[in-house]
Amino acid sequence: MQSIIVEVNNLNKSFGNNHILKNISFKISEGEVVVIMGPSGSGKSTLLRCINRLESIDSGNIKVGDTFITDPTINIYELRKKIGFVFQHFNLFPHLNVMRNVTIGCTEVLKTPKEKAEERAKTLLERVGIGDKINAYPSEISGGQKQRVAIARALAMQPELLMFDEPTSALDPEMIQEVIDVIKGLAKEHRTMILVTHEIGFAREAANRIMFIDEGQILEQTNPKEFFSNPKTDRGKYFLSKVLHS
């Protein structure tokens, strides 16, 4: 039996009078790839940020591995060792080269010896196809390469869970596929991943489950074939009519 990596129960989150997430509940098993889809403003990114404690929550609880992240006594830095987060806009350190961007978490947070951290970084950068960019700075590489550095940085921490928030939306169209290919490779390795994305091809091919969110509520949860061929809600049908023909 696969262990549960993420468990969310009755999660609520508001910003002022705006109720963003409404009684969200779900579980994700080890090795599962879950794609969260929905219109802009539906709460997808906020949900990821709550799981990583980048946002506080108003009520409910979230468990990652064996840790209740909503426990006010937890060490937030210990929690984030478990969770790799790839942001929409890369969030690389502009004053550090590619190697240092990938190793800084290992050396500063995990206290990995520099030589071992660099060995791991070289392996990961080769794996994502930019082993020749080790000494380059973020300003010297393309958007697609920056995002692959960000993925390598997340992997270097050896997390239990990987989360991606619109990892291709800031990229030029010709760079999208190179990033998608890297993420597909991770899916084939049965890594536990949550992705917010509108990349339909990736969702069809690599996801185990589609979670469709609108107005802060989960309206559908099913496998990609079922969701894309036979959405159960009118809102799901309308959403797909727009994204499939855009």
C-alpha atoms as a PDB file:
ATOM      1  CA  MET A   1       0.000   0.000   0.000  1.00  0.00           C
ATOM      2  CA  GLN A   2       1.353   3.405  -1.024  1.00  0.00           C
ATOM      3  CA  SER A   3       1.884   5.888   1.772  1.00  0.00           C
ATOM      4  CA  ILE A   4       0.057   9.218   1.834  1.00  0.00           C
ATOM      5  CA  ILE A   5       2.442  12.124   1.171  1.00  0.00           C
ATOM      6  CA  VAL A   6      -0.062  14.997   1.281  1.00  0.00           C
ATOM      7  CA  GLU A   7      -3.327  15.157   3.195  1.00  0.00           C
ATOM      8  CA  VAL A   8      -5.455  18.309   3.199  1.00  0.00           C
ATOM      9  CA  ASN A   9      -8.607  18.500   5.319  1.00  0.00           C
ATOM     10  CA  ASN A  10     -11.224  21.259   5.214  1.00  0.00           C
ATOM     11  CA  LEU A  11      -8.740  23.947   4.234  1.00  0.00           C
ATOM     12  CA  ASN A  12     -10.031  27.510   4.224  1.00  0.00           C
ATOM     13  CA  LYS A  13      -8.126  30.634   3.257  1.00  0.00           C
ATOM     14  CA  SER A  14      -9.311  34.217   2.876  1.00  0.00           C
ATOM     15  CA  PHE A  15      -7.658  37.480   1.941  1.00  0.00           C
ATOM     16  CA  GLY A  16      -9.763  40.112   3.663  1.00  0.00           C
ATOM     17  CA  ASN A  17     -13.363  39.500   2.615  1.00  0.00           C
ATOM     18  CA  ASN A  18     -12.309  37.349  -0.341  1.00  0.00           C
ATOM     19  CA  HIS A  19     -12.780  33.654   0.524  1.00  0.00           C
ATOM     20  CA  ILE A  20     -10.103  32.100  -1.729  1.00  0.00           C
ATOM     21  CA  LEU A  21     -10.144  28.412  -0.660  1.00  0.00           C
ATOM     22  CA  LYS A  22     -13.349  26.812   0.596  1.00  0.00           C
ATOM     23  CA  ASN A  23     -13.261  23.537   2.527  1.00  0.00           C
ATOM     24  CA  ILE A  24     -10.583  21.947   0.330  1.00  0.00           C
ATOM     25  CA  SER A  25      -9.891  18.266   1.109  1.00  0.00           C
ATOM     26  CA  PHE A  26      -7.794  15.691  -0.766  1.00  0.00           C
ATOM     27  CA  LYS A  27      -5.003  13.136  -0.390  1.00  0.00           C
ATOM     28  CA  ILE A  28      -1.996  12.439  -2.603  1.00  0.00           C
ATOM     29  CA  SER A  29      -0.186   9.111  -2.487  1.00  0.00           C
ATOM     30  CA  GLU A  30       3.527   8.508  -2.912  1.00  0.00           C
ATOM     31  CA  GLY A  31       4.504   8.599  -6.585  1.00  0.00           C
ATOM     32  CA  GLU A  32       1.296  10.265  -7.723  1.00  0.00           C
ATOM     33  CA  VAL A  33       1.296  13.155 -10.207  1.00  0.00           C
ATOM     34  CA  VAL A  34      -1.626  15.515  -9.673  1.00  0.00           C
ATOM     35  CA  VAL A  35      -2.343  18.385 -12.059  1.00  0.00           C
ATOM     36  CA  ILE A  36      -4.482  21.235 -10.725  1.00  0.00           C
ATOM     37  CA  MET A  37      -6.437  23.073 -13.398  1.00  0.00           C
ATOM     38  CA  GLY A  38      -8.929  25.893 -13.290  1.00  0.00           C
ATOM     39  CA  PRO A  39      -9.499  29.474 -14.411  1.00  0.00           C
ATOM     40  CA  SER A  40      -7.365  32.380 -13.229  1.00  0.00           C
ATOM     41  CA  GLY A  41      -8.225  33.458  -9.705  1.00  0.00           C
ATOM     42  CA  SER A  42      -9.686  30.096  -8.710  1.00  0.00           C
ATOM     43  CA  GLY A  43      -7.184  29.555  -5.879  1.00  0.00           C
ATOM     44  CA  LYS A  44      -4.737  27.120  -7.494  1.00  0.00           C
ATOM     45  CA  SER A  45      -1.511  28.940  -6.652  1.00  0.00           C
ATOM     46  CA  THR A  46      -2.769  29.894  -3.202  1.00  0.00           C
ATOM     47  CA  LEU A  47      -3.362  26.207  -2.492  1.00  0.00           C
ATOM     48  CA  LEU A  48       0.257  25.361  -3.349  1.00  0.00           C
ATOM     49  CA  ARG A  49       1.516  28.222  -1.223  1.00  0.00           C
ATOM     50  CA  CYS A  50      -0.543  27.021   1.740  1.00  0.00           C
ATOM     51  CA  ILE A  51       0.934  23.519   1.436  1.00  0.00           C
ATOM     52  CA  ASN A  52       4.417  25.037   1.595  1.00  0.00           C
ATOM     53  CA  ARG A  53       3.460  27.468   4.392  1.00  0.00           C
ATOM     54  CA  LEU A  54       4.236  30.436   2.169  1.00  0.00           C
ATOM     55  CA  GLU A  55       0.689  31.439   3.115  1.00  0.00           C
ATOM     56  CA  SER A  56      -0.989  30.909   6.460  1.00  0.00           C
ATOM     57  CA  ILE A  57      -4.391  29.221   6.556  1.00  0.00           C
ATOM     58  CA  ASP A  58      -7.556  30.233   8.393  1.00  0.00           C
ATOM     59  CA  SER A  59      -8.889  26.788   9.278  1.00  0.00           C
ATOM     60  CA  GLY A  60      -8.410  23.111   8.501  1.00  0.00           C
ATOM     61  CA  ASN A  61      -5.138  21.215   8.471  1.00  0.00           C
ATOM     62  CA  ILE A  62      -2.445  20.063   6.077  1.00  0.00           C
ATOM     63  CA  LYS A  63      -0.136  17.109   6.563  1.00  0.00           C
ATOM     64  CA  VAL A  64       3.009  16.497   4.491  1.00  0.00           C
ATOM     65  CA  GLY A  65       4.552  13.120   5.214  1.00  0.00           C
ATOM     66  CA  ASP A  66       4.207  12.727   8.964  1.00  0.00           C
ATOM     67  CA  THR A  67       4.235  16.477   9.696  1.00  0.00           C
ATOM     68  CA  PHE A  68       1.176  18.622  10.345  1.00  0.00           C
ATOM     69  CA  ILE A  69       2.390  21.824   8.748  1.00  0.00           C
ATOM     70  CA  THR A  70      -0.361  23.809  10.442  1.00  0.00           C
ATOM     71  CA  ASP A  71       1.173  23.037  13.839  1.00  0.00           C
ATOM     72  CA  PRO A  72       2.491  26.428  15.041  1.00  0.00           C
ATOM     73  CA  THR A  73       5.427  24.745  16.785  1.00  0.00           C
ATOM     74  CA  ILE A  74       6.950  23.151  13.673  1.00  0.00           C
ATOM     75  CA  ASN A  75      10.287  24.276  12.285  1.00  0.00           C
ATOM     76  CA  ILE A  76       9.366  25.832   8.951  1.00  0.00           C
ATOM     77  CA  TYR A  77      12.860  25.246   7.547  1.00  0.00           C
ATOM     78  CA  GLU A  78      12.676  21.542   8.374  1.00  0.00           C
ATOM     79  CA  LEU A  79       9.319  21.407   6.595  1.00  0.00           C
ATOM     80  CA  ARG A  80      10.671  23.022   3.455  1.00  0.00           C
ATOM     81  CA  LYS A  81      13.416  20.418   3.226  1.00  0.00           C
ATOM     82  CA  LYS A  82      10.602  18.015   2.373  1.00  0.00           C
ATOM     83  CA  ILE A  83       9.020  20.173  -0.307  1.00  0.00           C
ATOM     84  CA  GLY A  84      10.606  21.323  -3.556  1.00  0.00           C
ATOM     85  CA  PHE A  85       8.877  24.372  -5.051  1.00  0.00           C
ATOM     86  CA  VAL A  86       9.407  25.532  -8.642  1.00  0.00           C
ATOM     87  CA  PHE A  87       8.056  29.032  -9.139  1.00  0.00           C
ATOM     88  CA  GLN A  88       6.531  30.598 -12.219  1.00  0.00           C
ATOM     89  CA  HIS A  89       9.287  33.218 -12.489  1.00  0.00           C
ATOM     90  CA  PHE A  90      12.260  30.991 -11.563  1.00  0.00           C
ATOM     91  CA  ASN A  91      13.334  32.950  -8.440  1.00  0.00           C
ATOM     92  CA  LEU A  92      17.021  32.355  -9.105  1.00  0.00           C
ATOM     93  CA  PHE A  93      19.642  34.434  -7.327  1.00  0.00           C
ATOM     94  CA  PRO A  94      20.930  36.802 -10.046  1.00  0.00           C
ATOM     95  CA  HIS A  95      24.310  37.334  -8.364  1.00  0.00           C
ATOM     96  CA  LEU A  96      25.090  33.596  -8.159  1.00  0.00           C
ATOM     97  CA  ASN A  97      26.103  31.342 -11.028  1.00  0.00           C
ATOM     98  CA  VAL A  98      24.115  28.246 -11.966  1.00  0.00           C
ATOM     99  CA  MET A  99      26.208  25.916  -9.819  1.00  0.00           C
ATOM    100  CA  ARG A 100      25.796  28.069  -6.715  1.00  0.00           C
ATOM    101  CA  ASN A 101      22.076  28.536  -7.340  1.00  0.00           C
ATOM    102  CA  VAL A 102      21.660  24.763  -7.267  1.00  0.00           C
ATOM    103  CA  THR A 103      23.975  24.050  -4.338  1.00  0.00           C
ATOM    104  CA  ILE A 104      23.108  26.877  -1.965  1.00  0.00           C
ATOM    105  CA  GLY A 105      20.170  25.063  -0.376  1.00  0.00           C
ATOM    106  CA  CYS A 106      22.228  21.915   0.102  1.00  0.00           C
ATOM    107  CA  THR A 107      25.182  23.659   1.715  1.00  0.00           C
ATOM    108  CA  GLU A 108      23.300  26.248   3.766  1.00  0.00           C
ATOM    109  CA  VAL A 109      20.176  24.298   4.801  1.00  0.00           C
ATOM    110  CA  LEU A 110      21.097  20.616   4.588  1.00  0.00           C
ATOM    111  CA  LYS A 111      24.719  21.329   5.584  1.00  0.00           C
ATOM    112  CA  THR A 112      25.945  19.082   2.769  1.00  0.00           C
ATOM    113  CA  PRO A 113      29.705  19.340   2.216  1.00  0.00           C
ATOM    114  CA  LYS A 114      30.495  21.632  -0.744  1.00  0.00           C
ATOM    115  CA  GLU A 115      32.167  18.914  -2.825  1.00  0.00           C
ATOM    116  CA  LYS A 116      29.268  16.499  -2.399  1.00  0.00           C
ATOM    117  CA  ALA A 117      26.721  19.237  -3.144  1.00  0.00           C
ATOM    118  CA  GLU A 118      28.561  20.158  -6.346  1.00  0.00           C
ATOM    119  CA  GLU A 119      28.702  16.518  -7.458  1.00  0.00           C
ATOM    120  CA  ARG A 120      24.944  16.262  -6.984  1.00  0.00           C
ATOM    121  CA  ALA A 121      24.401  19.550  -8.818  1.00  0.00           C
ATOM    122  CA  LYS A 122      26.507  18.460 -11.799  1.00  0.00           C
ATOM    123  CA  THR A 123      24.513  15.234 -12.086  1.00  0.00           C
ATOM    124  CA  LEU A 124      21.201  17.079 -11.906  1.00  0.00           C
ATOM    125  CA  LEU A 125      22.211  19.809 -14.354  1.00  0.00           C
ATOM    126  CA  GLU A 126      23.314  17.157 -16.846  1.00  0.00           C
ATOM    127  CA  ARG A 127      20.014  15.408 -16.322  1.00  0.00           C
ATOM    128  CA  VAL A 128      17.974  18.511 -17.148  1.00  0.00           C
ATOM    129  CA  GLY A 129      20.132  19.179 -20.191  1.00  0.00           C
ATOM    130  CA  ILE A 130      22.224  22.172 -19.112  1.00  0.00           C
ATOM    131  CA  GLY A 131      25.407  20.634 -17.782  1.00  0.00           C
ATOM    132  CA  ASP A 132      27.367  23.101 -19.933  1.00  0.00           C
ATOM    133  CA  LYS A 133      25.888  26.114 -18.098  1.00  0.00           C
ATOM    134  CA  ILE A 134      27.403  25.461 -14.661  1.00  0.00           C
ATOM    135  CA  ASN A 135      29.418  28.696 -14.616  1.00  0.00           C
ATOM    136  CA  ALA A 136      26.818  30.893 -16.315  1.00  0.00           C
ATOM    137  CA  TYR A 137      24.783  33.512 -14.471  1.00  0.00           C
ATOM    138  CA  PRO A 138      20.980  33.775 -14.778  1.00  0.00           C
ATOM    139  CA  SER A 139      21.275  36.855 -17.012  1.00  0.00           C
ATOM    140  CA  GLU A 140      23.296  34.776 -19.494  1.00  0.00           C
ATOM    141  CA  ILE A 141      20.810  31.939 -20.057  1.00  0.00           C
ATOM    142  CA  SER A 142      17.341  31.631 -21.600  1.00  0.00           C
ATOM    143  CA  GLY A 143      14.061  31.439 -19.724  1.00  0.00           C
ATOM    144  CA  GLY A 144      13.766  27.722 -20.417  1.00  0.00           C
ATOM    145  CA  GLN A 145      17.273  27.159 -19.093  1.00  0.00           C
ATOM    146  CA  LYS A 146      16.510  29.231 -15.985  1.00  0.00           C
ATOM    147  CA  GLN A 147      13.484  27.085 -15.254  1.00  0.00           C
ATOM    148  CA  ARG A 148      15.555  23.936 -15.654  1.00  0.00           C
ATOM    149  CA  VAL A 149      18.067  25.365 -13.166  1.00  0.00           C
ATOM    150  CA  ALA A 150      15.141  25.958 -10.796  1.00  0.00           C
ATOM    151  CA  ILE A 151      14.037  22.331 -11.218  1.00  0.00           C
ATOM    152  CA  ALA A 152      17.580  21.078 -10.560  1.00  0.00           C
ATOM    153  CA  ARG A 153      17.731  23.291  -7.464  1.00  0.00           C
ATOM    154  CA  ALA A 154      14.500  21.778  -6.145  1.00  0.00           C
ATOM    155  CA  LEU A 155      15.691  18.224  -6.857  1.00  0.00           C
ATOM    156  CA  ALA A 156      19.028  18.847  -5.151  1.00  0.00           C
ATOM    157  CA  MET A 157      17.222  19.064  -1.812  1.00  0.00           C
ATOM    158  CA  GLN A 158      15.912  15.507  -2.331  1.00  0.00           C
ATOM    159  CA  PRO A 159      12.359  16.447  -1.356  1.00  0.00           C
ATOM    160  CA  GLU A 160       9.464  14.094  -0.627  1.00  0.00           C
ATOM    161  CA  LEU A 161       7.166  16.332  -2.669  1.00  0.00           C
ATOM    162  CA  LEU A 162       7.723  18.519  -5.735  1.00  0.00           C
ATOM    163  CA  MET A 163       5.335  21.370  -6.514  1.00  0.00           C
ATOM    164  CA  PHE A 164       5.253  23.458  -9.695  1.00  0.00           C
ATOM    165  CA  ASP A 165       3.320  26.713  -9.997  1.00  0.00           C
ATOM    166  CA  GLU A 166       2.687  27.395 -13.707  1.00  0.00           C
ATOM    167  CA  PRO A 167       6.273  26.381 -14.575  1.00  0.00           C
ATOM    168  CA  THR A 168       5.941  27.247 -18.277  1.00  0.00           C
ATOM    169  CA  SER A 169       3.696  30.327 -18.254  1.00  0.00           C
ATOM    170  CA  ALA A 170       6.594  32.812 -18.188  1.00  0.00           C
ATOM    171  CA  LEU A 171       8.376  31.122 -21.101  1.00  0.00           C
ATOM    172  CA  ASP A 172       8.434  31.828 -24.803  1.00  0.00           C
ATOM    173  CA  PRO A 173       6.507  29.145 -26.740  1.00  0.00           C
ATOM    174  CA  GLU A 174       9.638  27.505 -28.158  1.00  0.00           C
ATOM    175  CA  MET A 175      11.057  27.024 -24.655  1.00  0.00           C
ATOM    176  CA  ILE A 176       7.988  25.394 -23.131  1.00  0.00           C
ATOM    177  CA  GLN A 177       8.600  21.909 -24.484  1.00  0.00           C
ATOM    178  CA  GLU A 178      12.127  21.622 -23.083  1.00  0.00           C
ATOM    179  CA  VAL A 179      10.787  22.243 -19.569  1.00  0.00           C
ATOM    180  CA  ILE A 180       7.778  19.954 -20.067  1.00  0.00           C
ATOM    181  CA  ASP A 181      10.111  17.166 -21.210  1.00  0.00           C
ATOM    182  CA  VAL A 182      12.118  17.447 -17.977  1.00  0.00           C
ATOM    183  CA  ILE A 183       8.946  17.289 -15.863  1.00  0.00           C
ATOM    184  CA  LYS A 184       7.672  14.307 -17.858  1.00  0.00           C
ATOM    185  CA  GLY A 185      10.934  12.529 -17.073  1.00  0.00           C
ATOM    186  CA  LEU A 186      10.361  13.159 -13.367  1.00  0.00           C
ATOM    187  CA  ALA A 187       6.823  11.792 -13.653  1.00  0.00           C
ATOM    188  CA  LYS A 188       8.183   8.582 -15.183  1.00  0.00           C
ATOM    189  CA  GLU A 189      10.385   8.199 -12.098  1.00  0.00           C
ATOM    190  CA  HIS A 190       7.202   8.149  -9.985  1.00  0.00           C
ATOM    191  CA  ARG A 191       8.079  11.264  -8.041  1.00  0.00           C
ATOM    192  CA  THR A 192       5.251  12.734  -6.002  1.00  0.00           C
ATOM    193  CA  MET A 193       4.298  15.965  -7.753  1.00  0.00           C
ATOM    194  CA  ILE A 194       1.606  18.626  -7.740  1.00  0.00           C
ATOM    195  CA  LEU A 195       1.491  20.950 -10.734  1.00  0.00           C
ATOM    196  CA  VAL A 196      -0.607  23.984 -11.486  1.00  0.00           C
ATOM    197  CA  THR A 197      -0.536  24.170 -15.285  1.00  0.00           C
ATOM    198  CA  HIS A 198      -2.629  24.691 -18.401  1.00  0.00           C
ATOM    199  CA  GLU A 199      -0.399  22.430 -20.497  1.00  0.00           C
ATOM    200  CA  ILE A 200      -3.043  20.009 -21.741  1.00  0.00           C
ATOM    201  CA  GLY A 201      -0.618  17.657 -23.471  1.00  0.00           C
ATOM    202  CA  PHE A 202       1.399  17.175 -20.309  1.00  0.00           C
ATOM    203  CA  ALA A 203      -1.718  16.706 -18.192  1.00  0.00           C
ATOM    204  CA  ARG A 204      -3.081  14.045 -20.552  1.00  0.00           C
ATOM    205  CA  GLU A 205       0.174  12.136 -20.763  1.00  0.00           C
ATOM    206  CA  ALA A 206       1.815  12.400 -17.352  1.00  0.00           C
ATOM    207  CA  ALA A 207      -0.845  13.087 -14.707  1.00  0.00           C
ATOM    208  CA  ASN A 208      -2.444  10.359 -12.640  1.00  0.00           C
ATOM    209  CA  ARG A 209      -5.202  12.716 -11.576  1.00  0.00           C
ATOM    210  CA  ILE A 210      -6.711  16.019 -12.611  1.00  0.00           C
ATOM    211  CA  MET A 211      -8.066  18.260  -9.874  1.00  0.00           C
ATOM    212  CA  PHE A 212     -10.349  20.942 -11.305  1.00  0.00           C
ATOM    213  CA  ILE A 213     -10.813  23.972  -9.064  1.00  0.00           C
ATOM    214  CA  ASP A 214     -13.121  26.925  -9.556  1.00  0.00           C
ATOM    215  CA  GLU A 215     -13.988  29.720  -7.117  1.00  0.00           C
ATOM    216  CA  GLY A 216     -11.955  28.067  -4.388  1.00  0.00           C
ATOM    217  CA  GLN A 217     -13.664  24.677  -4.529  1.00  0.00           C
ATOM    218  CA  ILE A 218     -12.682  21.309  -5.970  1.00  0.00           C
ATOM    219  CA  LEU A 219     -15.409  20.582  -8.509  1.00  0.00           C
ATOM    220  CA  GLU A 220     -13.901  17.465 -10.113  1.00  0.00           C
ATOM    221  CA  GLN A 221     -11.169  14.919  -9.337  1.00  0.00           C
ATOM    222  CA  THR A 222     -10.608  12.144 -11.830  1.00  0.00           C
ATOM    223  CA  ASN A 223      -8.118  10.620 -14.264  1.00  0.00           C
ATOM    224  CA  PRO A 224      -7.071  12.670 -17.310  1.00  0.00           C
ATOM    225  CA  LYS A 225      -8.932  10.526 -19.856  1.00  0.00           C
ATOM    226  CA  GLU A 226     -12.202  10.930 -17.982  1.00  0.00           C
ATOM    227  CA  PHE A 227     -11.759  14.642 -17.334  1.00  0.00           C
ATOM    228  CA  PHE A 228     -10.803  15.633 -20.864  1.00  0.00           C
ATOM    229  CA  SER A 229     -13.369  13.421 -22.599  1.00  0.00           C
ATOM    230  CA  ASN A 230     -16.263  13.597 -20.155  1.00  0.00           C
ATOM    231  CA  PRO A 231     -16.153  16.394 -17.556  1.00  0.00           C
ATOM    232  CA  LYS A 232     -18.960  15.972 -15.050  1.00  0.00           C
ATOM    233  CA  THR A 233     -19.746  19.619 -14.291  1.00  0.00           C
ATOM    234  CA  ASP A 234     -20.975  22.408 -16.535  1.00  0.00           C
ATOM    235  CA  ARG A 235     -18.121  24.562 -15.234  1.00  0.00           C
ATOM    236  CA  GLY A 236     -15.598  21.888 -16.231  1.00  0.00           C
ATOM    237  CA  LYS A 237     -17.129  21.606 -19.692  1.00  0.00           C
ATOM    238  CA  TYR A 238     -17.007  25.372 -20.163  1.00  0.00           C
ATOM    239  CA  PHE A 239     -13.396  25.584 -18.965  1.00  0.00           C
ATOM    240  CA  LEU A 240     -12.275  22.834 -21.349  1.00  0.00           C
ATOM    241  CA  SER A 241     -14.151  24.399 -24.267  1.00  0.00           C
ATOM    242  CA  LYS A 242     -11.975  27.466 -23.758  1.00  0.00           C
ATOM    243  CA  VAL A 243      -8.561  25.876 -23.125  1.00  0.00           C
ATOM    244  CA  LEU A 244      -8.869  23.156 -25.755  1.00  0.00           C
ATOM    245  CA  HIS A 245      -9.750  25.611 -28.498  1.00  0.00           C
ATOM    246  CA  SER A 246      -7.577  28.557 -27.522  1.00  0.00           C
END
